[in-house]
Amino acid sequence: MDSEGQTACGNAAVFPCNGKDREEGEGMGITNTDFLMAFEVLFSIATWEYMKHLWDERIAPARQ
């Protein structure tokens, strides 16, 4: 860490390297943010697949 509080990962107060600078070589594991980002990705994929299903089964046949 330099004199301005910067580490290799950025500002130590804002981005503490995901906890890796607390104990050498150990992170915090899966955090709430990691879980929420994974949920967001899975929800987006499920929504996309459902919209494709609606298009194929209902909207496209009705346009013909």
N, C-alpha and C. Protein backbone atom coordinates (compact mmCIF):
# COMPACT_ATOMS: atom_id res chain seq x y z
N MET A 1 0.85 -1.17 0.00
CA MET A 1 0.00 0.00 0.00
C MET A 1 0.90 1.23 0.00
N ASP A 2 0.56 2.20 -0.82
CA ASP A 2 1.38 3.40 -0.88
C ASP A 2 0.85 4.45 0.10
N SER A 3 1.41 5.67 0.04
CA SER A 3 1.06 6.71 1.00
C SER A 3 -0.37 7.21 0.84
N GLU A 4 -1.01 7.00 -0.31
CA GLU A 4 -2.37 7.48 -0.53
C GLU A 4 -3.43 6.41 -0.27
N GLY A 5 -3.04 5.29 0.29
CA GLY A 5 -3.99 4.25 0.60
C GLY A 5 -4.34 3.36 -0.58
N GLN A 6 -3.53 3.40 -1.63
CA GLN A 6 -3.79 2.58 -2.81
C GLN A 6 -3.08 1.24 -2.68
N THR A 7 -3.78 0.20 -3.08
CA THR A 7 -3.16 -1.13 -3.13
C THR A 7 -3.11 -1.56 -4.59
N ALA A 8 -2.68 -2.78 -4.82
CA ALA A 8 -2.63 -3.29 -6.19
C ALA A 8 -4.02 -3.42 -6.77
N CYS A 9 -5.06 -3.55 -5.92
CA CYS A 9 -6.42 -3.72 -6.40
C CYS A 9 -7.20 -2.42 -6.45
N GLY A 10 -6.64 -1.34 -5.98
CA GLY A 10 -7.37 -0.07 -5.97
C GLY A 10 -7.39 0.52 -4.58
N ASN A 11 -8.37 1.37 -4.34
CA ASN A 11 -8.50 2.03 -3.06
C ASN A 11 -8.81 1.00 -1.98
N ALA A 12 -7.99 0.94 -0.95
CA ALA A 12 -8.15 -0.09 0.08
C ALA A 12 -9.46 0.07 0.85
N ALA A 13 -9.97 1.29 0.98
CA ALA A 13 -11.21 1.49 1.72
C ALA A 13 -12.43 1.06 0.90
N VAL A 14 -12.33 1.14 -0.42
CA VAL A 14 -13.48 0.85 -1.28
C VAL A 14 -13.40 -0.56 -1.86
N PHE A 15 -12.24 -0.93 -2.36
CA PHE A 15 -12.06 -2.24 -2.98
C PHE A 15 -10.94 -2.99 -2.26
N PRO A 16 -11.25 -3.69 -1.17
CA PRO A 16 -10.19 -4.35 -0.41
C PRO A 16 -9.77 -5.70 -0.98
N CYS A 17 -9.65 -5.84 -2.27
CA CYS A 17 -9.15 -7.05 -2.93
C CYS A 17 -9.98 -8.27 -2.56
N ASN A 18 -11.27 -8.09 -2.34
CA ASN A 18 -12.17 -9.18 -1.96
C ASN A 18 -11.69 -9.89 -0.70
N GLY A 19 -11.10 -9.13 0.22
CA GLY A 19 -10.68 -9.70 1.50
C GLY A 19 -9.33 -10.38 1.47
N LYS A 20 -8.68 -10.43 0.32
CA LYS A 20 -7.42 -11.19 0.23
C LYS A 20 -6.27 -10.49 0.93
N ASP A 21 -6.41 -9.18 1.20
CA ASP A 21 -5.31 -8.53 1.90
C ASP A 21 -5.49 -8.60 3.41
N ARG A 22 -6.56 -9.21 3.90
CA ARG A 22 -6.74 -9.36 5.34
C ARG A 22 -5.85 -10.48 5.86
N GLU A 23 -5.93 -11.63 5.24
CA GLU A 23 -5.06 -12.74 5.59
C GLU A 23 -4.43 -13.22 4.29
N GLU A 24 -3.19 -13.54 4.36
CA GLU A 24 -2.45 -13.88 3.15
C GLU A 24 -3.04 -15.09 2.44
N GLY A 25 -3.50 -14.90 1.19
CA GLY A 25 -3.93 -16.00 0.36
C GLY A 25 -5.34 -16.49 0.60
N GLU A 26 -6.10 -15.87 1.49
CA GLU A 26 -7.45 -16.34 1.75
C GLU A 26 -8.45 -15.24 1.41
N GLY A 27 -9.46 -15.59 0.60
CA GLY A 27 -10.50 -14.64 0.27
C GLY A 27 -11.70 -14.82 1.17
N MET A 28 -12.77 -14.12 0.85
CA MET A 28 -13.97 -14.18 1.67
C MET A 28 -14.93 -15.27 1.20
N GLY A 29 -14.59 -15.97 0.13
CA GLY A 29 -15.50 -16.98 -0.40
C GLY A 29 -16.61 -16.33 -1.20
N ILE A 30 -17.78 -16.96 -1.23
CA ILE A 30 -18.90 -16.42 -1.99
C ILE A 30 -19.61 -15.36 -1.15
N THR A 31 -19.66 -14.16 -1.66
CA THR A 31 -20.32 -13.07 -0.94
C THR A 31 -21.75 -12.91 -1.43
N ASN A 32 -22.50 -12.04 -0.78
CA ASN A 32 -23.87 -11.76 -1.21
C ASN A 32 -23.88 -11.19 -2.61
N THR A 33 -22.91 -10.36 -2.94
CA THR A 33 -22.85 -9.77 -4.27
C THR A 33 -22.64 -10.84 -5.33
N ASP A 34 -21.77 -11.80 -5.05
CA ASP A 34 -21.55 -12.90 -6.00
C ASP A 34 -22.83 -13.68 -6.22
N PHE A 35 -23.56 -13.95 -5.13
CA PHE A 35 -24.81 -14.69 -5.24
C PHE A 35 -25.82 -13.91 -6.06
N LEU A 36 -25.94 -12.62 -5.81
CA LEU A 36 -26.92 -11.81 -6.53
C LEU A 36 -26.57 -11.69 -8.01
N MET A 37 -25.29 -11.59 -8.33
CA MET A 37 -24.90 -11.52 -9.74
C MET A 37 -25.20 -12.83 -10.45
N ALA A 38 -24.96 -13.95 -9.79
CA ALA A 38 -25.27 -15.25 -10.39
C ALA A 38 -26.78 -15.39 -10.58
N PHE A 39 -27.57 -14.95 -9.60
CA PHE A 39 -29.02 -15.01 -9.72
C PHE A 39 -29.49 -14.14 -10.88
N GLU A 40 -28.90 -12.97 -11.03
CA GLU A 40 -29.28 -12.07 -12.13
C GLU A 40 -29.01 -12.71 -13.49
N VAL A 41 -27.88 -13.37 -13.62
CA VAL A 41 -27.55 -14.02 -14.88
C VAL A 41 -28.53 -15.16 -15.17
N LEU A 42 -28.80 -15.98 -14.17
CA LEU A 42 -29.74 -17.10 -14.38
C LEU A 42 -31.15 -16.59 -14.66
N PHE A 43 -31.58 -15.54 -13.99
CA PHE A 43 -32.90 -14.98 -14.23
C PHE A 43 -32.99 -14.40 -15.64
N SER A 44 -31.92 -13.77 -16.11
CA SER A 44 -31.91 -13.21 -17.46
C SER A 44 -31.99 -14.31 -18.51
N ILE A 45 -31.26 -15.40 -18.30
CA ILE A 45 -31.31 -16.52 -19.25
C ILE A 45 -32.70 -17.14 -19.27
N ALA A 46 -33.29 -17.33 -18.09
CA ALA A 46 -34.63 -17.91 -18.02
C ALA A 46 -35.65 -17.00 -18.71
N THR A 47 -35.54 -15.71 -18.50
CA THR A 47 -36.46 -14.76 -19.14
C THR A 47 -36.30 -14.81 -20.66
N TRP A 48 -35.06 -14.84 -21.13
CA TRP A 48 -34.79 -14.90 -22.57
C TRP A 48 -35.39 -16.17 -23.17
N GLU A 49 -35.20 -17.31 -22.51
CA GLU A 49 -35.73 -18.57 -23.02
C GLU A 49 -37.26 -18.55 -23.04
N TYR A 50 -37.88 -17.97 -22.02
CA TYR A 50 -39.34 -17.90 -21.98
C TYR A 50 -39.87 -17.00 -23.09
N MET A 51 -39.19 -15.89 -23.35
CA MET A 51 -39.63 -15.00 -24.42
C MET A 51 -39.48 -15.68 -25.79
N LYS A 52 -38.41 -16.45 -25.97
CA LYS A 52 -38.27 -17.21 -27.22
C LYS A 52 -39.41 -18.22 -27.36
N HIS A 53 -39.77 -18.87 -26.24
CA HIS A 53 -40.87 -19.83 -26.25
C HIS A 53 -42.18 -19.13 -26.65
N LEU A 54 -42.44 -17.99 -26.05
CA LEU A 54 -43.66 -17.25 -26.39
C LEU A 54 -43.67 -16.86 -27.86
N TRP A 55 -42.53 -16.42 -28.38
CA TRP A 55 -42.46 -16.02 -29.77
C TRP A 55 -42.75 -17.21 -30.69
N ASP A 56 -42.10 -18.33 -30.41
CA ASP A 56 -42.23 -19.51 -31.27
C ASP A 56 -43.63 -20.12 -31.20
N GLU A 57 -44.22 -20.14 -30.02
CA GLU A 57 -45.49 -20.84 -29.84
C GLU A 57 -46.73 -19.97 -30.10
N ARG A 58 -46.64 -18.67 -29.85
CA ARG A 58 -47.84 -17.85 -29.92
C ARG A 58 -47.76 -16.71 -30.92
N ILE A 59 -46.69 -15.94 -30.87
CA ILE A 59 -46.65 -14.72 -31.68
C ILE A 59 -46.38 -15.03 -33.15
N ALA A 60 -45.38 -15.86 -33.42
CA ALA A 60 -45.05 -16.17 -34.81
C ALA A 60 -46.20 -16.85 -35.55
N PRO A 61 -46.89 -17.85 -34.98
CA PRO A 61 -48.02 -18.45 -35.71
C PRO A 61 -49.18 -17.47 -35.94
N ALA A 62 -49.38 -16.53 -35.03
CA ALA A 62 -50.48 -15.58 -35.17
C ALA A 62 -50.20 -14.56 -36.28
N ARG A 63 -48.94 -14.36 -36.62
CA ARG A 63 -48.59 -13.38 -37.66
C ARG A 63 -48.72 -13.97 -39.06
N GLN A 64 -48.92 -15.26 -39.17
CA GLN A 64 -48.98 -15.88 -40.50
C GLN A 64 -50.38 -15.85 -41.06
